[in-house]
C-alpha atoms as a PDB file:
ATOM      1  CA  SER A   1      99.756 -36.694 -50.690  1.00  0.00           C
ATOM      2  CA  ASP A   2      98.919 -33.060 -50.143  1.00  0.00           C
ATOM      3  CA  LEU A   3      95.831 -32.177 -48.143  1.00  0.00           C
ATOM      4  CA  ASP A   4      93.113 -30.156 -49.785  1.00  0.00           C
ATOM      5  CA  ASP A   5      92.153 -26.896 -48.078  1.00  0.00           C
ATOM      6  CA  GLU A   6      88.902 -28.453 -46.905  1.00  0.00           C
ATOM      7  CA  ASP A   7      90.815 -31.250 -45.153  1.00  0.00           C
ATOM      8  CA  SER A   8      93.340 -29.008 -43.419  1.00  0.00           C
ATOM      9  CA  ILE A   9      93.057 -28.055 -39.788  1.00  0.00           C
ATOM     10  CA  SER A  10      93.293 -24.416 -38.896  1.00  0.00           C
ATOM     11  CA  VAL A  11      94.734 -23.717 -35.484  1.00  0.00           C
ATOM     12  CA  GLY A  12      93.836 -20.232 -34.358  1.00  0.00           C
ATOM     13  CA  TYR A  13      95.240 -18.361 -31.411  1.00  0.00           C
ATOM     14  CA  ASP A  14      92.692 -17.734 -28.672  1.00  0.00           C
ATOM     15  CA  ASN A  15      93.787 -15.786 -25.597  1.00  0.00           C
ATOM     16  CA  LYS A  16      91.285 -17.504 -23.308  1.00  0.00           C
ATOM     17  CA  TYR A  17      93.352 -20.700 -23.450  1.00  0.00           C
ATOM     18  CA  THR A  18      96.535 -19.002 -22.280  1.00  0.00           C
ATOM     19  CA  LEU A  19      97.520 -18.366 -18.687  1.00  0.00           C
ATOM     20  CA  GLN A  20      97.076 -14.630 -19.230  1.00  0.00           C
ATOM     21  CA  GLY A  21      93.648 -15.271 -20.722  1.00  0.00           C
ATOM     22  CA  CYS A  22      92.580 -17.387 -17.751  1.00  0.00           C
ATOM     23  CA  LEU A  23      93.753 -14.722 -15.308  1.00  0.00           C
ATOM     24  CA  ASP A  24      91.953 -12.036 -17.293  1.00  0.00           C
ATOM     25  CA  HIS A  25      88.776 -14.138 -17.229  1.00  0.00           C
ATOM     26  CA  MET A  26      89.066 -14.652 -13.450  1.00  0.00           C
ATOM     27  CA  GLU A  27      89.395 -10.898 -13.002  1.00  0.00           C
ATOM     28  CA  ILE A  28      86.353 -10.264 -15.219  1.00  0.00           C
ATOM     29  CA  ILE A  29      84.230 -12.660 -13.144  1.00  0.00           C
ATOM     30  CA  LEU A  30      85.467 -11.063  -9.911  1.00  0.00           C
ATOM     31  CA  ALA A  31      84.806  -7.552 -11.254  1.00  0.00           C
ATOM     32  CA  GLU A  32      81.267  -8.543 -12.244  1.00  0.00           C
ATOM     33  CA  ALA A  33      80.600  -9.883  -8.741  1.00  0.00           C
ATOM     34  CA  GLU A  34      82.117  -6.759  -7.169  1.00  0.00           C
ATOM     35  CA  ASN A  35      80.009  -4.476  -9.370  1.00  0.00           C
ATOM     36  CA  ARG A  36      76.845  -6.441  -8.671  1.00  0.00           C
ATOM     37  CA  TYR A  37      77.565  -6.383  -4.937  1.00  0.00           C
ATOM     38  CA  THR A  38      78.245  -2.629  -5.063  1.00  0.00           C
ATOM     39  CA  SER A  39      74.908  -1.981  -6.748  1.00  0.00           C
ATOM     40  CA  THR A  40      72.784  -4.397  -4.679  1.00  0.00           C
ATOM     41  CA  ASN A  41      74.560  -4.850  -1.309  1.00  0.00           C
ATOM     42  CA  ASP A  42      73.435  -8.484  -1.538  1.00  0.00           C
ATOM     43  CA  ASP A  43      75.797 -10.393   0.759  1.00  0.00           C
ATOM     44  CA  ARG A  44      75.134 -13.629  -1.156  1.00  0.00           C
ATOM     45  CA  ILE A  45      77.243 -12.279  -4.040  1.00  0.00           C
ATOM     46  CA  ARG A  46      79.804 -10.392  -2.011  1.00  0.00           C
ATOM     47  CA  PRO A  47      83.296 -11.560  -3.044  1.00  0.00           C
ATOM     48  CA  SER A  48      84.896 -13.436  -0.149  1.00  0.00           C
ATOM     49  CA  VAL A  49      88.518 -13.540   0.923  1.00  0.00           C
ATOM     50  CA  ASP A  50      88.692 -16.933  -0.825  1.00  0.00           C
ATOM     51  CA  TRP A  51      87.874 -15.349  -4.184  1.00  0.00           C
ATOM     52  CA  TYR A  52      90.686 -12.857  -3.776  1.00  0.00           C
ATOM     53  CA  ASN A  53      93.092 -15.499  -2.476  1.00  0.00           C
ATOM     54  CA  HIS A  54      92.453 -17.715  -5.505  1.00  0.00           C
ATOM     55  CA  ILE A  55      93.269 -14.971  -7.948  1.00  0.00           C
ATOM     56  CA  ILE A  56      96.295 -13.824  -5.911  1.00  0.00           C
ATOM     57  CA  GLY A  57      97.526 -17.423  -5.818  1.00  0.00           C
ATOM     58  CA  ALA A  58      97.062 -17.832  -9.568  1.00  0.00           C
ATOM     59  CA  TRP A  59      98.965 -14.621 -10.274  1.00  0.00           C
ATOM     60  CA  ALA A  60     101.687 -15.556  -7.774  1.00  0.00           C
ATOM     61  CA  ARG A  61     102.270 -18.924  -9.459  1.00  0.00           C
ATOM     62  CA  SER A  62     102.362 -17.450 -12.940  1.00  0.00           C
ATOM     63  CA  ASP A  63     105.597 -16.418 -14.569  1.00  0.00           C
ATOM     64  CA  LEU A  64     104.008 -13.312 -16.019  1.00  0.00           C
ATOM     65  CA  GLY A  65     105.949 -10.087 -15.706  1.00  0.00           C
ATOM     66  CA  ASP A  66     103.306  -8.112 -13.838  1.00  0.00           C
ATOM     67  CA  ALA A  67     102.418 -10.861 -11.328  1.00  0.00           C
ATOM     68  CA  MET A  68     104.022  -9.087  -8.379  1.00  0.00           C
ATOM     69  CA  GLU A  69     102.249  -5.817  -9.129  1.00  0.00           C
ATOM     70  CA  LYS A  70      98.898  -7.573  -9.564  1.00  0.00           C
ATOM     71  CA  THR A  71      99.121  -9.472  -6.273  1.00  0.00           C
ATOM     72  CA  LYS A  72     100.177  -6.284  -4.484  1.00  0.00           C
ATOM     73  CA  GLN A  73      97.211  -4.365  -5.972  1.00  0.00           C
ATOM     74  CA  PHE A  74      94.799  -6.913  -4.528  1.00  0.00           C
ATOM     75  CA  LEU A  75      96.564  -6.889  -1.152  1.00  0.00           C
ATOM     76  CA  ASP A  76      96.558  -3.079  -1.001  1.00  0.00           C
ATOM     77  CA  GLY A  77      92.817  -3.013  -1.718  1.00  0.00           C
ATOM     78  CA  MET A  78      92.125  -5.677   0.890  1.00  0.00           C
ATOM     79  CA  GLU A  79      94.201  -3.858   3.505  1.00  0.00           C
ATOM     80  CA  LYS A  80      92.361  -0.639   2.711  1.00  0.00           C
ATOM     81  CA  TYR A  81      89.059  -2.463   3.194  1.00  0.00           C
ATOM     82  CA  ASP A  82      90.360  -3.857   6.507  1.00  0.00           C
ATOM     83  CA  GLU A  83      91.175  -0.320   7.671  1.00  0.00           C
ATOM     84  CA  THR A  84      87.942   1.361   6.603  1.00  0.00           C
ATOM     85  CA  GLU A  85      85.253  -1.354   6.266  1.00  0.00           C
ATOM     86  CA  VAL A  86      84.078   0.535   3.196  1.00  0.00           C
ATOM     87  CA  GLY A  87      87.121  -0.043   1.054  1.00  0.00           C
ATOM     88  CA  VAL A  88      88.674   2.277  -1.441  1.00  0.00           C
ATOM     89  CA  ASP A  89      87.329   5.727  -2.113  1.00  0.00           C
ATOM     90  CA  SER A  90      87.878   6.000  -5.841  1.00  0.00           C
ATOM     91  CA  SER A  91      88.098   9.795  -5.665  1.00  0.00           C
ATOM     92  CA  THR A  92      91.137   9.755  -3.360  1.00  0.00           C
ATOM     93  CA  ASP A  93      92.619   6.289  -3.878  1.00  0.00           C
ATOM     94  CA  SER A  94      92.371   5.828  -7.623  1.00  0.00           C
ATOM     95  CA  ASP A  95      95.615   3.847  -7.715  1.00  0.00           C
ATOM     96  CA  ILE A  96      94.325   1.209  -5.249  1.00  0.00           C
ATOM     97  CA  ARG A  97      92.042  -1.612  -6.363  1.00  0.00           C
ATOM     98  CA  ARG A  98      88.691  -1.756  -4.586  1.00  0.00           C
ATOM     99  CA  CYS A  99      88.179  -5.024  -2.712  1.00  0.00           C
ATOM    100  CA  TRP A 100      85.432  -6.342  -0.461  1.00  0.00           C
ATOM    101  CA  ALA A 101      87.304  -8.635   1.931  1.00  0.00           C
ATOM    102  CA  LYS A 102      90.000  -8.406   4.583  1.00  0.00           C
ATOM    103  CA  PRO A 103      93.331 -10.143   3.908  1.00  0.00           C
ATOM    104  CA  ASN A 104      94.293 -13.239   5.864  1.00  0.00           C
ATOM    105  CA  THR A 105      97.401 -15.390   6.199  1.00  0.00           C
ATOM    106  CA  ILE A 106      96.777 -17.049   2.838  1.00  0.00           C
ATOM    107  CA  THR A 107      96.544 -13.622   1.184  1.00  0.00           C
ATOM    108  CA  TYR A 108      99.920 -12.569   2.554  1.00  0.00           C
ATOM    109  CA  ASN A 109     101.485 -15.938   1.705  1.00  0.00           C
ATOM    110  CA  GLY A 110     100.395 -15.521  -1.919  1.00  0.00           C
ATOM    111  CA  VAL A 111     101.915 -12.061  -2.198  1.00  0.00           C
ATOM    112  CA  LEU A 112     105.098 -13.168  -0.426  1.00  0.00           C
ATOM    113  CA  PHE A 113     105.334 -16.148  -2.794  1.00  0.00           C
ATOM    114  CA  SER A 114     105.035 -13.754  -5.713  1.00  0.00           C
ATOM    115  CA  LEU A 115     107.778 -11.580  -4.220  1.00  0.00           C
ATOM    116  CA  ALA A 116     110.031 -14.607  -3.786  1.00  0.00           C
ATOM    117  CA  ARG A 117     109.612 -15.582  -7.441  1.00  0.00           C
ATOM    118  CA  ASP A 118     110.223 -12.062  -8.728  1.00  0.00           C
ATOM    119  CA  GLN A 119     113.864 -11.609  -9.685  1.00  0.00           C
ATOM    120  CA  SER A 120     113.788  -7.816  -9.577  1.00  0.00           C
ATOM    121  CA  ARG A 121     116.251  -5.999  -7.414  1.00  0.00           C
ATOM    122  CA  GLY A 122     115.069  -4.980  -3.959  1.00  0.00           C
ATOM    123  CA  ARG A 123     112.339  -7.595  -3.596  1.00  0.00           C
ATOM    124  CA  ALA A 124     113.846  -8.979  -0.372  1.00  0.00           C
ATOM    125  CA  LYS A 125     113.544  -5.527   1.170  1.00  0.00           C
ATOM    126  CA  VAL A 126     109.917  -5.278   0.040  1.00  0.00           C
ATOM    127  CA  ALA A 127     109.208  -8.699   1.575  1.00  0.00           C
ATOM    128  CA  GLN A 128     110.819  -7.649   4.858  1.00  0.00           C
ATOM    129  CA  GLU A 129     108.751  -4.443   4.897  1.00  0.00           C
ATOM    130  CA  MET A 130     105.611  -6.482   4.277  1.00  0.00           C
ATOM    131  CA  LEU A 131     106.428  -8.834   7.160  1.00  0.00           C
ATOM    132  CA  ASN A 132     107.018  -5.838   9.455  1.00  0.00           C
ATOM    133  CA  SER A 133     103.726  -4.305   8.331  1.00  0.00           C
ATOM    134  CA  MET A 134     101.916  -7.577   9.057  1.00  0.00           C
ATOM    135  CA  LYS A 135     103.394  -7.688  12.555  1.00  0.00           C
ATOM    136  CA  GLU A 136     102.252  -4.126  13.280  1.00  0.00           C
ATOM    137  CA  ARG A 137      98.815  -4.731  11.794  1.00  0.00           C
ATOM    138  CA  TYR A 138      98.021  -7.967  13.576  1.00  0.00           C
ATOM    139  CA  GLN A 139      99.725  -7.760  16.969  1.00  0.00           C
END
């Protein structure tokens, strides 16, 4: 028998239940914490390296096309923070994401994992450059 309209189930598409939607939501939560920290300087809500590592790890394990670029944006912002202690100056570094934590081994592993999964040409060279940069930075 045919179902009446009132008995049918409508399945709608909701982005928040997709991988991209989850990543977007993680970034929104992180951005809210970053903005609140920027306006209050309250260290209790300062995003930690763990926050950044979780989102880098999630991006790195995704098969989304911009995963490599996203993980690199976070790493660049974290390295900038490590160099300056104040992070990105939006007037001069508008292409770098502002972060509030220094990268650690887990951060680099996440970005390297993302590089390894990316099939684009030249990624091995980028990974080698990153390893050389890490050696210079932390020796």
